[in-house]
Amino acid sequence: MASKKELEKTKELARLYYLNGDTQKLVAEKVGVSRVTVNKWVSDGGWDALRTAKSITRKELVAKIMKKADEKLENGDMSADEMAKLAASIEKIDKRTSATTIIEVLTSYNNWLVARTQIDKELTVDFLKMTNRYQDIFIAEQVSAENPGL
């Protein structure tokens, strides 16, 4: 039976694999636990929401906004004021380094680190866990700075 510390390491590695796009089945195989265990970790830890948040790009966000706007325009449900506000929002999204941009870069970096673990034995689970923890703190601070009062 694995110690609590070993189980936490396994869980963190599973989290990294899952957040980087692996299926629950593949994560279970990679870390040596059952798919049921991974499913429980995903549910309890809210990993689906994290994965979704990490996977949306600025381009996708703008596309979703534009689609909604197009629907409103076709139905005649959009005022000139709403259109101006929408245009300003899209411009902000395109010009500003946002939490989404930061998440995109950090996700890419995490993918690279996880891939490197196969060839670089200096990259330990503890290092990945610590890196991920500080990235999460950094993202939380950036989101708070963008949305004061939340």
Protein backbone atom coordinates (compact mmCIF):
# COMPACT_ATOMS: atom_id res chain seq x y z
CA MET A 1 0.00 0.00 0.00
CA ALA A 2 1.31 3.44 -0.94
CA SER A 3 2.08 5.98 1.75
CA LYS A 4 0.06 9.18 1.98
CA LYS A 5 2.99 11.15 0.53
CA GLU A 6 3.35 8.76 -2.41
CA LEU A 7 -0.40 8.90 -3.04
CA GLU A 8 -0.29 12.73 -3.10
CA LYS A 9 2.58 12.60 -5.61
CA THR A 10 0.62 10.19 -7.77
CA LYS A 11 -2.48 12.35 -7.53
CA GLU A 12 -0.58 15.51 -8.51
CA LEU A 13 1.02 13.78 -11.48
CA ALA A 14 -2.42 12.51 -12.51
CA ARG A 15 -3.75 16.06 -12.22
CA LEU A 16 -0.99 17.37 -14.48
CA TYR A 17 -1.63 14.69 -17.10
CA TYR A 18 -5.39 15.31 -16.97
CA LEU A 19 -5.09 19.09 -17.18
CA ASN A 20 -2.78 18.64 -20.15
CA GLY A 21 -5.50 16.79 -22.05
CA ASP A 22 -5.04 13.09 -21.31
CA THR A 23 -8.18 10.97 -20.88
CA GLN A 24 -9.03 9.54 -17.47
CA LYS A 25 -8.21 6.06 -18.77
CA LEU A 26 -4.79 7.15 -20.03
CA VAL A 27 -4.04 9.03 -16.81
CA ALA A 28 -4.93 5.91 -14.79
CA GLU A 29 -2.57 3.82 -16.91
CA LYS A 30 0.26 6.36 -16.70
CA VAL A 31 0.15 6.73 -12.91
CA GLY A 32 -0.84 3.15 -12.05
CA VAL A 33 -4.23 3.63 -10.39
CA SER A 34 -7.74 2.59 -11.36
CA ARG A 35 -9.90 4.69 -13.66
CA VAL A 36 -12.44 4.89 -10.82
CA THR A 37 -9.79 6.54 -8.63
CA VAL A 38 -8.94 9.07 -11.33
CA ASN A 39 -12.66 9.75 -11.85
CA LYS A 40 -13.05 10.46 -8.12
CA TRP A 41 -10.04 12.79 -8.14
CA VAL A 42 -11.43 14.63 -11.19
CA SER A 43 -14.83 15.07 -9.51
CA ASP A 44 -13.55 15.98 -6.04
CA GLY A 45 -10.87 18.35 -7.32
CA GLY A 46 -12.94 20.11 -9.96
CA TRP A 47 -10.36 19.15 -12.58
CA ASP A 48 -12.88 19.39 -15.46
CA ALA A 49 -13.46 23.09 -14.79
CA LEU A 50 -9.72 23.70 -14.52
CA ARG A 51 -9.09 21.85 -17.76
CA THR A 52 -11.76 23.83 -19.56
CA ALA A 53 -10.43 27.12 -18.21
CA LYS A 54 -6.91 26.24 -19.27
CA SER A 55 -7.94 25.15 -22.73
CA ILE A 56 -9.88 28.18 -23.98
CA THR A 57 -7.82 30.55 -26.09
CA ARG A 58 -8.34 34.25 -26.70
CA LYS A 59 -9.19 33.46 -30.31
CA GLU A 60 -11.91 31.01 -29.18
CA LEU A 61 -13.24 33.53 -26.69
CA VAL A 62 -13.50 36.24 -29.36
CA ALA A 63 -15.13 33.75 -31.74
CA LYS A 64 -17.77 32.86 -29.13
CA ILE A 65 -18.49 36.53 -28.47
CA MET A 66 -18.75 37.23 -32.20
CA LYS A 67 -21.11 34.30 -32.73
CA LYS A 68 -23.44 35.55 -29.98
CA ALA A 69 -23.29 39.06 -31.44
CA ASP A 70 -24.07 37.74 -34.91
CA GLU A 71 -27.12 35.90 -33.58
CA LYS A 72 -28.35 39.05 -31.82
CA LEU A 73 -27.77 41.16 -34.94
CA GLU A 74 -29.68 38.72 -37.15
CA ASN A 75 -32.60 38.81 -34.73
CA GLY A 76 -32.44 42.60 -34.45
CA ASP A 77 -31.77 42.32 -30.71
CA MET A 78 -28.59 44.43 -30.53
CA SER A 79 -28.57 48.17 -29.98
CA ALA A 80 -25.83 50.50 -31.19
CA ASP A 81 -24.70 50.91 -27.57
CA GLU A 82 -24.39 47.14 -27.12
CA MET A 83 -22.46 46.92 -30.38
CA ALA A 84 -20.02 49.63 -29.26
CA LYS A 85 -19.51 47.91 -25.89
CA LEU A 86 -18.94 44.59 -27.62
CA ALA A 87 -16.36 46.10 -29.97
CA ALA A 88 -14.54 47.67 -27.01
CA SER A 89 -14.55 44.34 -25.15
CA ILE A 90 -13.11 42.48 -28.12
CA GLU A 91 -10.43 45.13 -28.56
CA LYS A 92 -9.49 44.76 -24.88
CA ILE A 93 -9.31 40.98 -25.20
CA ASP A 94 -7.08 41.27 -28.26
CA LYS A 95 -4.71 43.89 -26.86
CA ARG A 96 -4.31 43.04 -23.21
CA THR A 97 -2.30 40.21 -21.74
CA SER A 98 -5.03 38.50 -19.79
CA ALA A 99 -5.25 35.58 -17.42
CA THR A 100 -6.28 33.50 -20.44
CA THR A 101 -3.03 34.37 -22.21
CA ILE A 102 -1.04 33.54 -19.11
CA ILE A 103 -2.86 30.22 -18.78
CA GLU A 104 -2.15 29.42 -22.44
CA VAL A 105 1.57 30.03 -21.97
CA LEU A 106 1.77 28.13 -18.69
CA THR A 107 -0.20 25.21 -20.14
CA SER A 108 2.22 25.03 -23.04
CA TYR A 109 5.13 25.11 -20.58
CA ASN A 110 3.50 22.38 -18.45
CA ASN A 111 3.01 20.21 -21.54
CA TRP A 112 6.67 20.63 -22.34
CA LEU A 113 7.70 19.75 -18.76
CA VAL A 114 5.50 16.66 -18.67
CA ALA A 115 6.96 15.49 -22.00
CA ARG A 116 10.47 16.14 -20.68
CA THR A 117 9.87 13.87 -17.66
CA GLN A 118 10.23 10.93 -20.05
CA ILE A 119 13.82 11.87 -20.91
CA ASP A 120 14.99 14.11 -18.08
CA LYS A 121 15.17 12.32 -14.74
CA GLU A 122 15.92 15.59 -12.90
CA LEU A 123 12.29 16.58 -13.48
CA THR A 124 10.62 15.02 -10.48
CA VAL A 125 6.98 14.88 -9.52
CA ASP A 126 7.84 17.17 -6.58
CA PHE A 127 9.27 19.75 -8.97
CA LEU A 128 6.21 19.56 -11.22
CA LYS A 129 3.92 19.82 -8.20
CA MET A 130 5.76 22.87 -6.84
CA THR A 131 5.83 24.54 -10.26
CA ASN A 132 2.13 23.93 -10.75
CA ARG A 133 1.30 25.25 -7.29
CA TYR A 134 3.15 28.51 -7.92
CA GLN A 135 1.60 28.82 -11.38
CA ASP A 136 -1.87 28.42 -9.83
CA ILE A 137 -1.06 31.14 -7.27
CA PHE A 138 0.25 33.42 -10.04
CA ILE A 139 -2.87 32.87 -12.15
CA ALA A 140 -5.15 33.53 -9.16
CA GLU A 141 -3.31 36.80 -8.48
CA GLN A 142 -3.58 37.85 -12.13
CA VAL A 143 -7.30 37.07 -12.23
CA SER A 144 -7.80 39.07 -9.01
CA ALA A 145 -5.86 42.00 -10.49
CA GLU A 146 -8.04 41.93 -13.63
CA ASN A 147 -11.24 41.66 -11.61
CA PRO A 148 -10.79 43.70 -8.44
CA GLY A 149 -13.49 43.14 -5.89
CA LEU A 150 -14.22 39.56 -6.94
